[in-house]
Amino acid sequence: PHLRSPVQIAWADAVARDVDNFRAVLDWAIETVSPEHAYRLIAPFTVQGLPIAYLAMDWAQAAIGVRGGEDDPRFVVVAAWAAWGETMGSDLDRAADFITVAERAQDGSGAPDPLLLRSRAVAAYFGGDVERAIEEARGWVTVVRASEDQFGLADALNFLGVVLLASEPDGARQAFDEALRVARADGIPS
């Protein structure tokens, strides 16, 4: 939880020192077919902008294939992070596949996971479907606002601002302003 807090930078540095150990745990979890351990390791690292987060994208892609993990409560988060990684790597087809996997696991389990909404919004944006990206980003903002996750809200509002820039500059400015207010109020590194 400290990776999504005002002490994020210090914790990111601490985590970075143990990357090799984390990778060894992931390898063990995959080899012994323990999706619970793999997902428990990866899920906390799904924070944009951290060096460990970029490694966790690759780890998520590997861990999704571990047999029997679809029922784990962290499966959707890990699959959505794998999708986000593929989007950042410009493989939108593979990102769509991971999004579909996450959506199937999400079905019937209540409100959409914010990370899944984020992955859908980012994939739509990078795929050139700005209208869909705006719709997904607004849904993402709504879900994180209801969850009272200030870190997630600042992130979602910032992305909403990005996708609104060309079509709704006033809406973009409002989203950016609120993202900044939320980040400052909670001491979130920006």
N, C-alpha and C. Protein backbone atom coordinates (compact mmCIF):
# COMPACT_ATOMS: atom_id res chain seq x y z
N PRO A 1 0.81 -1.22 0.00
CA PRO A 1 0.00 0.00 0.00
C PRO A 1 0.84 1.27 0.00
N HIS A 2 2.08 1.18 0.44
CA HIS A 2 2.94 2.37 0.50
C HIS A 2 3.35 2.85 -0.89
N LEU A 3 3.24 2.00 -1.89
CA LEU A 3 3.56 2.42 -3.26
C LEU A 3 2.47 3.33 -3.83
N ARG A 4 1.34 3.42 -3.14
CA ARG A 4 0.23 4.28 -3.55
C ARG A 4 -0.04 5.29 -2.42
N SER A 5 1.03 5.95 -1.98
CA SER A 5 0.90 6.84 -0.82
C SER A 5 1.91 7.97 -0.93
N PRO A 6 1.87 8.90 0.01
CA PRO A 6 2.85 9.99 0.00
C PRO A 6 4.31 9.54 0.14
N VAL A 7 4.53 8.33 0.65
CA VAL A 7 5.90 7.83 0.80
C VAL A 7 6.29 6.90 -0.37
N GLN A 8 5.61 7.07 -1.47
CA GLN A 8 5.81 6.22 -2.65
C GLN A 8 7.27 6.16 -3.09
N ILE A 9 7.92 7.28 -3.19
CA ILE A 9 9.28 7.31 -3.74
C ILE A 9 10.25 6.52 -2.85
N ALA A 10 10.17 6.70 -1.56
CA ALA A 10 11.04 5.95 -0.65
C ALA A 10 10.77 4.45 -0.75
N TRP A 11 9.50 4.08 -0.82
CA TRP A 11 9.16 2.66 -0.92
C TRP A 11 9.56 2.08 -2.28
N ALA A 12 9.43 2.86 -3.33
CA ALA A 12 9.85 2.39 -4.66
C ALA A 12 11.34 2.08 -4.66
N ASP A 13 12.12 2.94 -3.99
CA ASP A 13 13.57 2.67 -3.88
C ASP A 13 13.84 1.40 -3.09
N ALA A 14 13.11 1.22 -1.99
CA ALA A 14 13.30 0.03 -1.17
C ALA A 14 12.92 -1.24 -1.94
N VAL A 15 11.83 -1.18 -2.66
CA VAL A 15 11.37 -2.33 -3.45
C VAL A 15 12.37 -2.66 -4.55
N ALA A 16 12.93 -1.63 -5.17
CA ALA A 16 13.87 -1.83 -6.28
C ALA A 16 15.08 -2.66 -5.86
N ARG A 17 15.47 -2.55 -4.63
CA ARG A 17 16.64 -3.31 -4.15
C ARG A 17 16.37 -4.82 -4.11
N ASP A 18 15.11 -5.21 -4.10
CA ASP A 18 14.77 -6.64 -4.01
C ASP A 18 14.17 -7.21 -5.29
N VAL A 19 14.37 -6.56 -6.40
CA VAL A 19 13.78 -7.02 -7.67
C VAL A 19 14.18 -8.46 -7.98
N ASP A 20 15.44 -8.80 -7.78
CA ASP A 20 15.89 -10.17 -8.09
C ASP A 20 15.17 -11.19 -7.21
N ASN A 21 14.96 -10.85 -5.95
CA ASN A 21 14.23 -11.76 -5.05
C ASN A 21 12.77 -11.90 -5.49
N PHE A 22 12.15 -10.78 -5.87
CA PHE A 22 10.76 -10.85 -6.35
C PHE A 22 10.67 -11.73 -7.60
N ARG A 23 11.63 -11.59 -8.50
CA ARG A 23 11.62 -12.39 -9.72
C ARG A 23 11.78 -13.87 -9.38
N ALA A 24 12.63 -14.17 -8.41
CA ALA A 24 12.81 -15.57 -8.00
C ALA A 24 11.51 -16.14 -7.44
N VAL A 25 10.80 -15.35 -6.65
CA VAL A 25 9.51 -15.79 -6.10
C VAL A 25 8.51 -16.03 -7.24
N LEU A 26 8.48 -15.12 -8.20
CA LEU A 26 7.57 -15.29 -9.33
C LEU A 26 7.90 -16.56 -10.10
N ASP A 27 9.17 -16.77 -10.39
CA ASP A 27 9.58 -17.99 -11.11
C ASP A 27 9.14 -19.23 -10.34
N TRP A 28 9.35 -19.21 -9.02
CA TRP A 28 8.92 -20.35 -8.19
C TRP A 28 7.41 -20.54 -8.29
N ALA A 29 6.65 -19.44 -8.20
CA ALA A 29 5.18 -19.53 -8.23
C ALA A 29 4.70 -20.09 -9.56
N ILE A 30 5.35 -19.72 -10.63
CA ILE A 30 4.95 -20.23 -11.95
C ILE A 30 5.33 -21.71 -12.08
N GLU A 31 6.53 -22.04 -11.67
CA GLU A 31 6.99 -23.43 -11.78
C GLU A 31 6.18 -24.39 -10.91
N THR A 32 5.76 -23.94 -9.73
CA THR A 32 5.00 -24.81 -8.83
C THR A 32 3.49 -24.66 -9.04
N VAL A 33 3.10 -23.90 -10.04
CA VAL A 33 1.70 -23.66 -10.37
C VAL A 33 0.95 -23.12 -9.15
N SER A 34 1.42 -21.99 -8.67
CA SER A 34 0.79 -21.33 -7.53
C SER A 34 0.36 -19.92 -7.94
N PRO A 35 -0.81 -19.83 -8.59
CA PRO A 35 -1.25 -18.50 -9.03
C PRO A 35 -1.45 -17.54 -7.86
N GLU A 36 -1.89 -18.07 -6.72
CA GLU A 36 -2.10 -17.20 -5.56
C GLU A 36 -0.82 -16.43 -5.21
N HIS A 37 0.31 -17.13 -5.17
CA HIS A 37 1.58 -16.48 -4.84
C HIS A 37 2.00 -15.51 -5.95
N ALA A 38 1.82 -15.91 -7.19
CA ALA A 38 2.20 -15.03 -8.31
C ALA A 38 1.39 -13.74 -8.28
N TYR A 39 0.08 -13.86 -8.11
CA TYR A 39 -0.79 -12.68 -8.15
C TYR A 39 -0.60 -11.81 -6.90
N ARG A 40 -0.36 -12.46 -5.77
CA ARG A 40 -0.12 -11.70 -4.54
C ARG A 40 1.17 -10.88 -4.67
N LEU A 41 2.13 -11.40 -5.40
CA LEU A 41 3.37 -10.68 -5.64
C LEU A 41 3.16 -9.51 -6.61
N ILE A 42 2.46 -9.74 -7.69
CA ILE A 42 2.35 -8.76 -8.77
C ILE A 42 1.37 -7.63 -8.45
N ALA A 43 0.23 -7.94 -7.89
CA ALA A 43 -0.85 -6.95 -7.71
C ALA A 43 -0.40 -5.65 -7.04
N PRO A 44 0.42 -5.68 -6.00
CA PRO A 44 0.81 -4.40 -5.38
C PRO A 44 1.69 -3.52 -6.27
N PHE A 45 2.29 -4.11 -7.29
CA PHE A 45 3.21 -3.36 -8.15
C PHE A 45 2.52 -2.73 -9.36
N THR A 46 1.20 -2.75 -9.40
CA THR A 46 0.47 -2.20 -10.54
C THR A 46 0.24 -0.70 -10.36
N VAL A 47 1.35 0.02 -10.28
CA VAL A 47 1.33 1.46 -10.05
C VAL A 47 2.14 2.12 -11.17
N GLN A 48 1.48 2.90 -11.97
CA GLN A 48 2.13 3.55 -13.11
C GLN A 48 3.31 4.41 -12.68
N GLY A 49 4.37 4.35 -13.48
CA GLY A 49 5.49 5.24 -13.29
C GLY A 49 6.62 4.71 -12.42
N LEU A 50 6.41 3.60 -11.75
CA LEU A 50 7.46 3.05 -10.90
C LEU A 50 8.29 2.04 -11.71
N PRO A 51 9.60 2.01 -11.51
CA PRO A 51 10.40 1.03 -12.24
C PRO A 51 9.91 -0.41 -12.06
N ILE A 52 9.52 -0.78 -10.84
CA ILE A 52 9.03 -2.14 -10.59
C ILE A 52 7.74 -2.42 -11.35
N ALA A 53 6.96 -1.38 -11.59
CA ALA A 53 5.69 -1.55 -12.30
C ALA A 53 5.90 -2.02 -13.73
N TYR A 54 6.97 -1.53 -14.35
CA TYR A 54 7.24 -1.94 -15.73
C TYR A 54 7.67 -3.40 -15.77
N LEU A 55 8.44 -3.83 -14.80
CA LEU A 55 8.77 -5.25 -14.71
C LEU A 55 7.52 -6.08 -14.44
N ALA A 56 6.66 -5.55 -13.58
CA ALA A 56 5.43 -6.27 -13.22
C ALA A 56 4.51 -6.48 -14.42
N MET A 57 4.62 -5.63 -15.44
CA MET A 57 3.83 -5.86 -16.66
C MET A 57 4.24 -7.17 -17.30
N ASP A 58 5.54 -7.39 -17.44
CA ASP A 58 6.02 -8.66 -18.00
C ASP A 58 5.67 -9.82 -17.09
N TRP A 59 5.82 -9.61 -15.79
CA TRP A 59 5.49 -10.66 -14.84
C TRP A 59 4.01 -11.03 -14.94
N ALA A 60 3.17 -10.02 -15.08
CA ALA A 60 1.72 -10.27 -15.19
C ALA A 60 1.41 -11.11 -16.42
N GLN A 61 2.06 -10.79 -17.52
CA GLN A 61 1.82 -11.55 -18.74
C GLN A 61 2.21 -13.02 -18.56
N ALA A 62 3.29 -13.26 -17.86
CA ALA A 62 3.71 -14.63 -17.60
C ALA A 62 2.78 -15.33 -16.61
N ALA A 63 2.35 -14.61 -15.59
CA ALA A 63 1.55 -15.21 -14.52
C ALA A 63 0.12 -15.53 -14.94
N ILE A 64 -0.41 -14.80 -15.89
CA ILE A 64 -1.78 -15.04 -16.34
C ILE A 64 -1.95 -16.46 -16.86
N GLY A 65 -0.88 -17.01 -17.40
CA GLY A 65 -0.95 -18.37 -17.94
C GLY A 65 -0.89 -19.47 -16.90
N VAL A 66 -0.72 -19.13 -15.63
CA VAL A 66 -0.64 -20.15 -14.59
C VAL A 66 -2.03 -20.78 -14.42
N ARG A 67 -2.07 -22.07 -14.55
CA ARG A 67 -3.32 -22.82 -14.48
C ARG A 67 -4.03 -22.62 -13.15
N GLY A 68 -5.35 -22.42 -13.20
CA GLY A 68 -6.16 -22.36 -12.00
C GLY A 68 -6.25 -21.00 -11.34
N GLY A 69 -5.76 -19.97 -11.97
CA GLY A 69 -5.75 -18.67 -11.32
C GLY A 69 -6.96 -17.80 -11.55
N GLU A 70 -7.85 -18.20 -12.44
CA GLU A 70 -8.97 -17.35 -12.81
C GLU A 70 -9.91 -17.01 -11.65
N ASP A 71 -9.93 -17.83 -10.63
CA ASP A 71 -10.82 -17.58 -9.49
C ASP A 71 -10.17 -16.73 -8.40
N ASP A 72 -8.90 -16.47 -8.53
CA ASP A 72 -8.21 -15.64 -7.54
C ASP A 72 -8.73 -14.21 -7.63
N PRO A 73 -9.00 -13.55 -6.51
CA PRO A 73 -9.55 -12.19 -6.56
C PRO A 73 -8.61 -11.17 -7.20
N ARG A 74 -7.33 -11.49 -7.28
CA ARG A 74 -6.36 -10.56 -7.90
C ARG A 74 -6.18 -10.82 -9.39
N PHE A 75 -6.83 -11.85 -9.93
CA PHE A 75 -6.65 -12.22 -11.33
C PHE A 75 -6.99 -11.06 -12.27
N VAL A 76 -8.10 -10.38 -12.02
CA VAL A 76 -8.53 -9.28 -12.89
C VAL A 76 -7.48 -8.18 -12.92
N VAL A 77 -6.95 -7.84 -11.75
CA VAL A 77 -5.93 -6.80 -11.67
C VAL A 77 -4.69 -7.19 -12.46
N VAL A 78 -4.25 -8.44 -12.29
CA VAL A 78 -3.04 -8.90 -12.98
C VAL A 78 -3.28 -8.96 -14.49
N ALA A 79 -4.43 -9.44 -14.92
CA ALA A 79 -4.73 -9.49 -16.36
C ALA A 79 -4.84 -8.08 -16.94
N ALA A 80 -5.46 -7.17 -16.19
CA ALA A 80 -5.57 -5.79 -16.66
C ALA A 80 -4.19 -5.13 -16.76
N TRP A 81 -3.30 -5.44 -15.81
CA TRP A 81 -1.95 -4.89 -15.86
C TRP A 81 -1.18 -5.45 -17.05
N ALA A 82 -1.40 -6.73 -17.34
CA ALA A 82 -0.78 -7.33 -18.53
C ALA A 82 -1.27 -6.62 -19.78
N ALA A 83 -2.56 -6.30 -19.83
CA ALA A 83 -3.13 -5.57 -20.97
C ALA A 83 -2.51 -4.19 -21.09
N TRP A 84 -2.37 -3.51 -19.98
CA TRP A 84 -1.77 -2.18 -20.00
C TRP A 84 -0.34 -2.25 -20.52
N GLY A 85 0.39 -3.27 -20.10
CA GLY A 85 1.76 -3.45 -20.58
C GLY A 85 1.82 -3.68 -22.07
N GLU A 86 0.91 -4.47 -22.60
CA GLU A 86 0.88 -4.70 -24.05
C GLU A 86 0.50 -3.43 -24.80
N THR A 87 -0.40 -2.64 -24.22
CA THR A 87 -0.75 -1.36 -24.85
C THR A 87 0.49 -0.47 -24.91
N MET A 88 1.22 -0.39 -23.81
CA MET A 88 2.43 0.44 -23.79
C MET A 88 3.48 -0.09 -24.75
N GLY A 89 3.45 -1.39 -25.03
CA GLY A 89 4.36 -2.00 -25.99
C GLY A 89 3.83 -1.98 -27.41
N SER A 90 2.70 -1.31 -27.61
CA SER A 90 2.08 -1.14 -28.93
C SER A 90 1.52 -2.41 -29.55
N ASP A 91 1.25 -3.42 -28.73
CA ASP A 91 0.60 -4.62 -29.24
C ASP A 91 -0.86 -4.59 -28.79
N LEU A 92 -1.66 -3.82 -29.53
CA LEU A 92 -3.05 -3.60 -29.14
C LEU A 92 -3.91 -4.84 -29.27
N ASP A 93 -3.55 -5.73 -30.19
CA ASP A 93 -4.31 -6.98 -30.33
C ASP A 93 -4.12 -7.85 -29.08
N ARG A 94 -2.88 -7.96 -28.66
CA ARG A 94 -2.62 -8.77 -27.46
C ARG A 94 -3.22 -8.09 -26.22
N ALA A 95 -3.16 -6.76 -26.18
CA ALA A 95 -3.79 -6.03 -25.07
C ALA A 95 -5.28 -6.34 -25.03
N ALA A 96 -5.92 -6.36 -26.19
CA ALA A 96 -7.36 -6.67 -26.25
C ALA A 96 -7.63 -8.08 -25.74
N ASP A 97 -6.72 -9.00 -26.04
CA ASP A 97 -6.89 -10.37 -25.54
C ASP A 97 -6.84 -10.41 -24.02
N PHE A 98 -5.89 -9.70 -23.43
CA PHE A 98 -5.79 -9.67 -21.96
C PHE A 98 -7.00 -8.95 -21.35
N ILE A 99 -7.48 -7.91 -22.01
CA ILE A 99 -8.68 -7.21 -21.51
C ILE A 99 -9.87 -8.17 -21.52
N THR A 100 -10.01 -8.93 -22.58
CA THR A 100 -11.11 -9.91 -22.66
C THR A 100 -11.00 -10.94 -21.54
N VAL A 101 -9.79 -11.41 -21.28
CA VAL A 101 -9.57 -12.38 -20.20
C VAL A 101 -9.98 -11.76 -18.86
N ALA A 102 -9.58 -10.51 -18.64
CA ALA A 102 -9.92 -9.82 -17.39
C ALA A 102 -11.43 -9.60 -17.29
N GLU A 103 -12.06 -9.23 -18.39
CA GLU A 103 -13.51 -9.00 -18.39
C GLU A 103 -14.27 -10.29 -18.08
N ARG A 104 -13.83 -11.39 -18.63
CA ARG A 104 -14.49 -12.68 -18.34
C ARG A 104 -14.40 -13.01 -16.86
N ALA A 105 -13.23 -12.77 -16.28
CA ALA A 105 -13.06 -13.05 -14.86
C ALA A 105 -13.87 -12.07 -14.01
N GLN A 106 -14.05 -10.86 -14.51
CA GLN A 106 -14.77 -9.81 -13.78
C GLN A 106 -16.29 -10.05 -13.79
N ASP A 107 -16.80 -10.68 -14.83
CA ASP A 107 -18.24 -10.86 -14.99
C ASP A 107 -18.89 -11.38 -13.72
N GLY A 108 -19.90 -10.67 -13.29
CA GLY A 108 -20.70 -11.10 -12.16
C GLY A 108 -20.10 -10.82 -10.80
N SER A 109 -18.94 -10.19 -10.76
CA SER A 109 -18.32 -9.98 -9.46
C SER A 109 -18.49 -8.55 -8.95
N GLY A 110 -19.51 -7.85 -9.41
CA GLY A 110 -19.78 -6.51 -8.90
C GLY A 110 -19.25 -5.41 -9.78
N ALA A 111 -18.90 -4.30 -9.16
CA ALA A 111 -18.42 -3.13 -9.89
C ALA A 111 -17.14 -3.45 -10.66
N PRO A 112 -16.97 -2.84 -11.81
CA PRO A 112 -15.75 -3.10 -12.58
C PRO A 112 -14.50 -2.70 -11.80
N ASP A 113 -13.46 -3.45 -11.96
CA ASP A 113 -12.20 -3.12 -11.32
C ASP A 113 -11.62 -1.87 -11.97
N PRO A 114 -11.16 -0.90 -11.17
CA PRO A 114 -10.62 0.33 -11.74
C PRO A 114 -9.45 0.10 -12.70
N LEU A 115 -8.61 -0.88 -12.40
CA LEU A 115 -7.48 -1.13 -13.29
C LEU A 115 -7.94 -1.69 -14.63
N LEU A 116 -9.00 -2.45 -14.63
CA LEU A 116 -9.56 -2.93 -15.90
C LEU A 116 -10.13 -1.76 -16.69
N LEU A 117 -10.84 -0.87 -16.02
CA LEU A 117 -11.36 0.32 -16.70
C LEU A 117 -10.22 1.16 -17.26
N ARG A 118 -9.18 1.29 -16.49
CA ARG A 118 -8.01 2.04 -16.93
C ARG A 118 -7.41 1.41 -18.18
N SER A 119 -7.24 0.10 -18.15
CA SER A 119 -6.65 -0.60 -19.30
C SER A 119 -7.51 -0.44 -20.55
N ARG A 120 -8.82 -0.50 -20.38
CA ARG A 120 -9.71 -0.31 -21.53
C ARG A 120 -9.60 1.11 -22.07
N ALA A 121 -9.55 2.10 -21.18
CA ALA A 121 -9.45 3.50 -21.60
C ALA A 121 -8.15 3.75 -22.35
N VAL A 122 -7.05 3.26 -21.80
CA VAL A 122 -5.74 3.49 -22.42
C VAL A 122 -5.65 2.76 -23.76
N ALA A 123 -6.14 1.53 -23.82
CA ALA A 123 -6.11 0.79 -25.08
C ALA A 123 -6.96 1.48 -26.15
N ALA A 124 -8.12 1.99 -25.77
CA ALA A 124 -8.96 2.71 -26.73
C ALA A 124 -8.25 3.96 -27.23
N TYR A 125 -7.62 4.68 -26.33
CA TYR A 125 -6.93 5.91 -26.70
C TYR A 125 -5.77 5.62 -27.66
N PHE A 126 -4.93 4.66 -27.31
CA PHE A 126 -3.80 4.33 -28.18
C PHE A 126 -4.25 3.65 -29.47
N GLY A 127 -5.45 3.08 -29.45
CA GLY A 127 -6.01 2.50 -30.67
C GLY A 127 -6.70 3.52 -31.56
N GLY A 128 -6.73 4.77 -31.12
CA GLY A 128 -7.29 5.84 -31.94
C GLY A 128 -8.78 6.07 -31.75
N ASP A 129 -9.41 5.38 -30.82
CA ASP A 129 -10.83 5.55 -30.56
C ASP A 129 -11.00 6.49 -29.36
N VAL A 130 -10.86 7.78 -29.64
CA VAL A 130 -10.86 8.78 -28.58
C VAL A 130 -12.22 8.85 -27.88
N GLU A 131 -13.31 8.74 -28.65
CA GLU A 131 -14.64 8.78 -28.02
C GLU A 131 -14.81 7.65 -27.01
N ARG A 132 -14.39 6.47 -27.38
CA ARG A 132 -14.48 5.34 -26.44
C ARG A 132 -13.54 5.55 -25.26
N ALA A 133 -12.35 6.09 -25.53
CA ALA A 133 -11.39 6.36 -24.46
C ALA A 133 -11.99 7.34 -23.44
N ILE A 134 -12.70 8.36 -23.94
CA ILE A 134 -13.35 9.33 -23.05
C ILE A 134 -14.42 8.64 -22.21
N GLU A 135 -15.23 7.82 -22.86
CA GLU A 135 -16.29 7.09 -22.15
C GLU A 135 -15.70 6.18 -21.07
N GLU A 136 -14.65 5.43 -21.43
CA GLU A 136 -14.01 4.52 -20.47
C GLU A 136 -13.34 5.31 -19.34
N ALA A 137 -12.70 6.43 -19.67
CA ALA A 137 -12.05 7.24 -18.65
C ALA A 137 -13.07 7.82 -17.68
N ARG A 138 -14.21 8.26 -18.20
CA ARG A 138 -15.26 8.78 -17.32
C ARG A 138 -15.78 7.67 -16.40
N GLY A 139 -15.93 6.48 -16.93
CA GLY A 139 -16.35 5.35 -16.10
C GLY A 139 -15.32 5.03 -15.03
N TRP A 140 -14.06 5.12 -15.40
CA TRP A 140 -12.97 4.89 -14.46
C TRP A 140 -13.02 5.92 -13.33
N VAL A 141 -13.20 7.20 -13.69
CA VAL A 141 -13.30 8.26 -12.68
C VAL A 141 -14.46 7.98 -11.74
N THR A 142 -15.61 7.60 -12.29
CA THR A 142 -16.79 7.34 -11.47
C THR A 142 -16.54 6.22 -10.46
N VAL A 143 -15.93 5.14 -10.93
CA VAL A 143 -15.68 3.99 -10.04
C VAL A 143 -14.68 4.35 -8.94
N VAL A 144 -13.59 5.02 -9.29
CA VAL A 144 -12.61 5.32 -8.24
C VAL A 144 -13.11 6.41 -7.30
N ARG A 145 -13.92 7.31 -7.82
CA ARG A 145 -14.50 8.34 -6.95
C ARG A 145 -15.39 7.67 -5.89
N ALA A 146 -16.17 6.69 -6.31
CA ALA A 146 -17.06 5.98 -5.38
C ALA A 146 -16.27 5.15 -4.36
N SER A 147 -15.09 4.69 -4.76
CA SER A 147 -14.28 3.87 -3.85
C SER A 147 -13.48 4.70 -2.86
N GLU A 148 -13.44 5.98 -3.06
CA GLU A 148 -12.69 6.91 -2.22
C GLU A 148 -11.18 6.65 -2.27
N ASP A 149 -10.70 6.07 -3.36
CA ASP A 149 -9.28 5.84 -3.59
C ASP A 149 -8.70 7.11 -4.20
N GLN A 150 -8.13 7.96 -3.37
CA GLN A 150 -7.64 9.26 -3.85
C GLN A 150 -6.47 9.12 -4.82
N PHE A 151 -5.62 8.15 -4.60
CA PHE A 151 -4.51 7.89 -5.52
C PHE A 151 -5.06 7.53 -6.90
N GLY A 152 -6.01 6.60 -6.92
CA GLY A 152 -6.63 6.19 -8.17
C GLY A 152 -7.42 7.31 -8.82
N LEU A 153 -8.08 8.14 -8.01
CA LEU A 153 -8.85 9.26 -8.54
C LEU A 153 -7.94 10.27 -9.24
N ALA A 154 -6.82 10.60 -8.61
CA ALA A 154 -5.89 11.54 -9.25
C ALA A 154 -5.39 10.99 -10.58
N ASP A 155 -5.09 9.71 -10.62
CA ASP A 155 -4.62 9.05 -11.84
C ASP A 155 -5.71 9.07 -12.92
N ALA A 156 -6.92 8.71 -12.54
CA ALA A 156 -8.03 8.66 -13.50
C ALA A 156 -8.37 10.05 -14.03
N LEU A 157 -8.40 11.04 -13.16
CA LEU A 157 -8.69 12.41 -13.60
C LEU A 157 -7.60 12.93 -14.53
N ASN A 158 -6.37 12.60 -14.24
CA ASN A 158 -5.27 13.03 -15.11
C ASN A 158 -5.43 12.44 -16.50
N PHE A 159 -5.76 11.15 -16.57
CA PHE A 159 -5.94 10.52 -17.89
C PHE A 159 -7.17 11.10 -18.59
N LEU A 160 -8.24 11.33 -17.85
CA LEU A 160 -9.43 11.95 -18.46
C LEU A 160 -9.05 13.29 -19.07
N GLY A 161 -8.24 14.07 -18.37
CA GLY A 161 -7.78 15.34 -18.92
C GLY A 161 -7.03 15.16 -20.23
N VAL A 162 -6.19 14.16 -20.29
CA VAL A 162 -5.42 13.90 -21.52
C VAL A 162 -6.35 13.59 -22.68
N VAL A 163 -7.33 12.72 -22.47
CA VAL A 163 -8.19 12.32 -23.59
C VAL A 163 -9.18 13.41 -23.98
N LEU A 164 -9.44 14.34 -23.08
CA LEU A 164 -10.36 15.44 -23.39
C LEU A 164 -9.67 16.63 -24.06
N LEU A 165 -8.36 16.68 -24.06
CA LEU A 165 -7.64 17.86 -24.54
C LEU A 165 -8.10 18.36 -25.91
N ALA A 166 -8.19 17.48 -26.87
CA ALA A 166 -8.50 17.91 -28.24
C ALA A 166 -9.95 18.31 -28.42
N SER A 167 -10.87 17.61 -27.76
CA SER A 167 -12.29 17.85 -28.02
C SER A 167 -12.98 18.74 -27.00
N GLU A 168 -12.52 18.71 -25.76
CA GLU A 168 -13.16 19.48 -24.69
C GLU A 168 -12.10 20.12 -23.80
N PRO A 169 -11.44 21.17 -24.29
CA PRO A 169 -10.35 21.75 -23.51
C PRO A 169 -10.77 22.24 -22.12
N ASP A 170 -11.99 22.76 -21.99
CA ASP A 170 -12.44 23.20 -20.66
C ASP A 170 -12.62 22.01 -19.73
N GLY A 171 -13.18 20.92 -20.25
CA GLY A 171 -13.33 19.70 -19.46
C GLY A 171 -11.97 19.13 -19.07
N ALA A 172 -11.00 19.21 -19.99
CA ALA A 172 -9.65 18.74 -19.70
C ALA A 172 -9.05 19.56 -18.56
N ARG A 173 -9.21 20.86 -18.63
CA ARG A 173 -8.66 21.74 -17.59
C ARG A 173 -9.30 21.42 -16.24
N GLN A 174 -10.60 21.19 -16.22
CA GLN A 174 -11.29 20.85 -14.97
C GLN A 174 -10.76 19.53 -14.40
N ALA A 175 -10.57 18.54 -15.28
CA ALA A 175 -10.05 17.25 -14.83
C ALA A 175 -8.64 17.39 -14.28
N PHE A 176 -7.77 18.13 -14.98
CA PHE A 176 -6.41 18.34 -14.51
C PHE A 176 -6.39 19.09 -13.19
N ASP A 177 -7.22 20.13 -13.08
CA ASP A 177 -7.28 20.91 -11.83
C ASP A 177 -7.71 20.04 -10.65
N GLU A 178 -8.74 19.21 -10.87
CA GLU A 178 -9.19 18.35 -9.78
C GLU A 178 -8.12 17.31 -9.43
N ALA A 179 -7.47 16.76 -10.45
CA ALA A 179 -6.41 15.78 -10.20
C ALA A 179 -5.31 16.40 -9.33
N LEU A 180 -4.95 17.62 -9.64
CA LEU A 180 -3.92 18.31 -8.87
C LEU A 180 -4.38 18.58 -7.43
N ARG A 181 -5.63 19.00 -7.27
CA ARG A 181 -6.17 19.25 -5.92
C ARG A 181 -6.17 17.96 -5.09
N VAL A 182 -6.62 16.88 -5.70
CA VAL A 182 -6.67 15.60 -4.99
C VAL A 182 -5.26 15.16 -4.60
N ALA A 183 -4.32 15.26 -5.55
CA ALA A 183 -2.94 14.84 -5.28
C ALA A 183 -2.33 15.69 -4.16
N ARG A 184 -2.52 16.98 -4.23
CA ARG A 184 -1.96 17.85 -3.19
C ARG A 184 -2.59 17.59 -1.83
N ALA A 185 -3.90 17.42 -1.80
CA ALA A 185 -4.61 17.20 -0.53
C ALA A 185 -4.14 15.92 0.16
N ASP A 186 -3.80 14.91 -0.63
CA ASP A 186 -3.39 13.62 -0.05
C ASP A 186 -1.88 13.41 -0.07
N GLY A 187 -1.13 14.40 -0.50
CA GLY A 187 0.33 14.27 -0.53
C GLY A 187 0.81 13.26 -1.54
N ILE A 188 0.05 13.07 -2.60
CA ILE A 188 0.40 12.09 -3.63
C ILE A 188 1.49 12.69 -4.53
N PRO A 189 2.59 11.95 -4.72
CA PRO A 189 3.62 12.47 -5.62
C PRO A 189 3.05 12.67 -7.02
N SER A 190 3.37 13.82 -7.60
CA SER A 190 2.83 14.08 -8.96
C SER A 190 3.94 14.29 -9.95
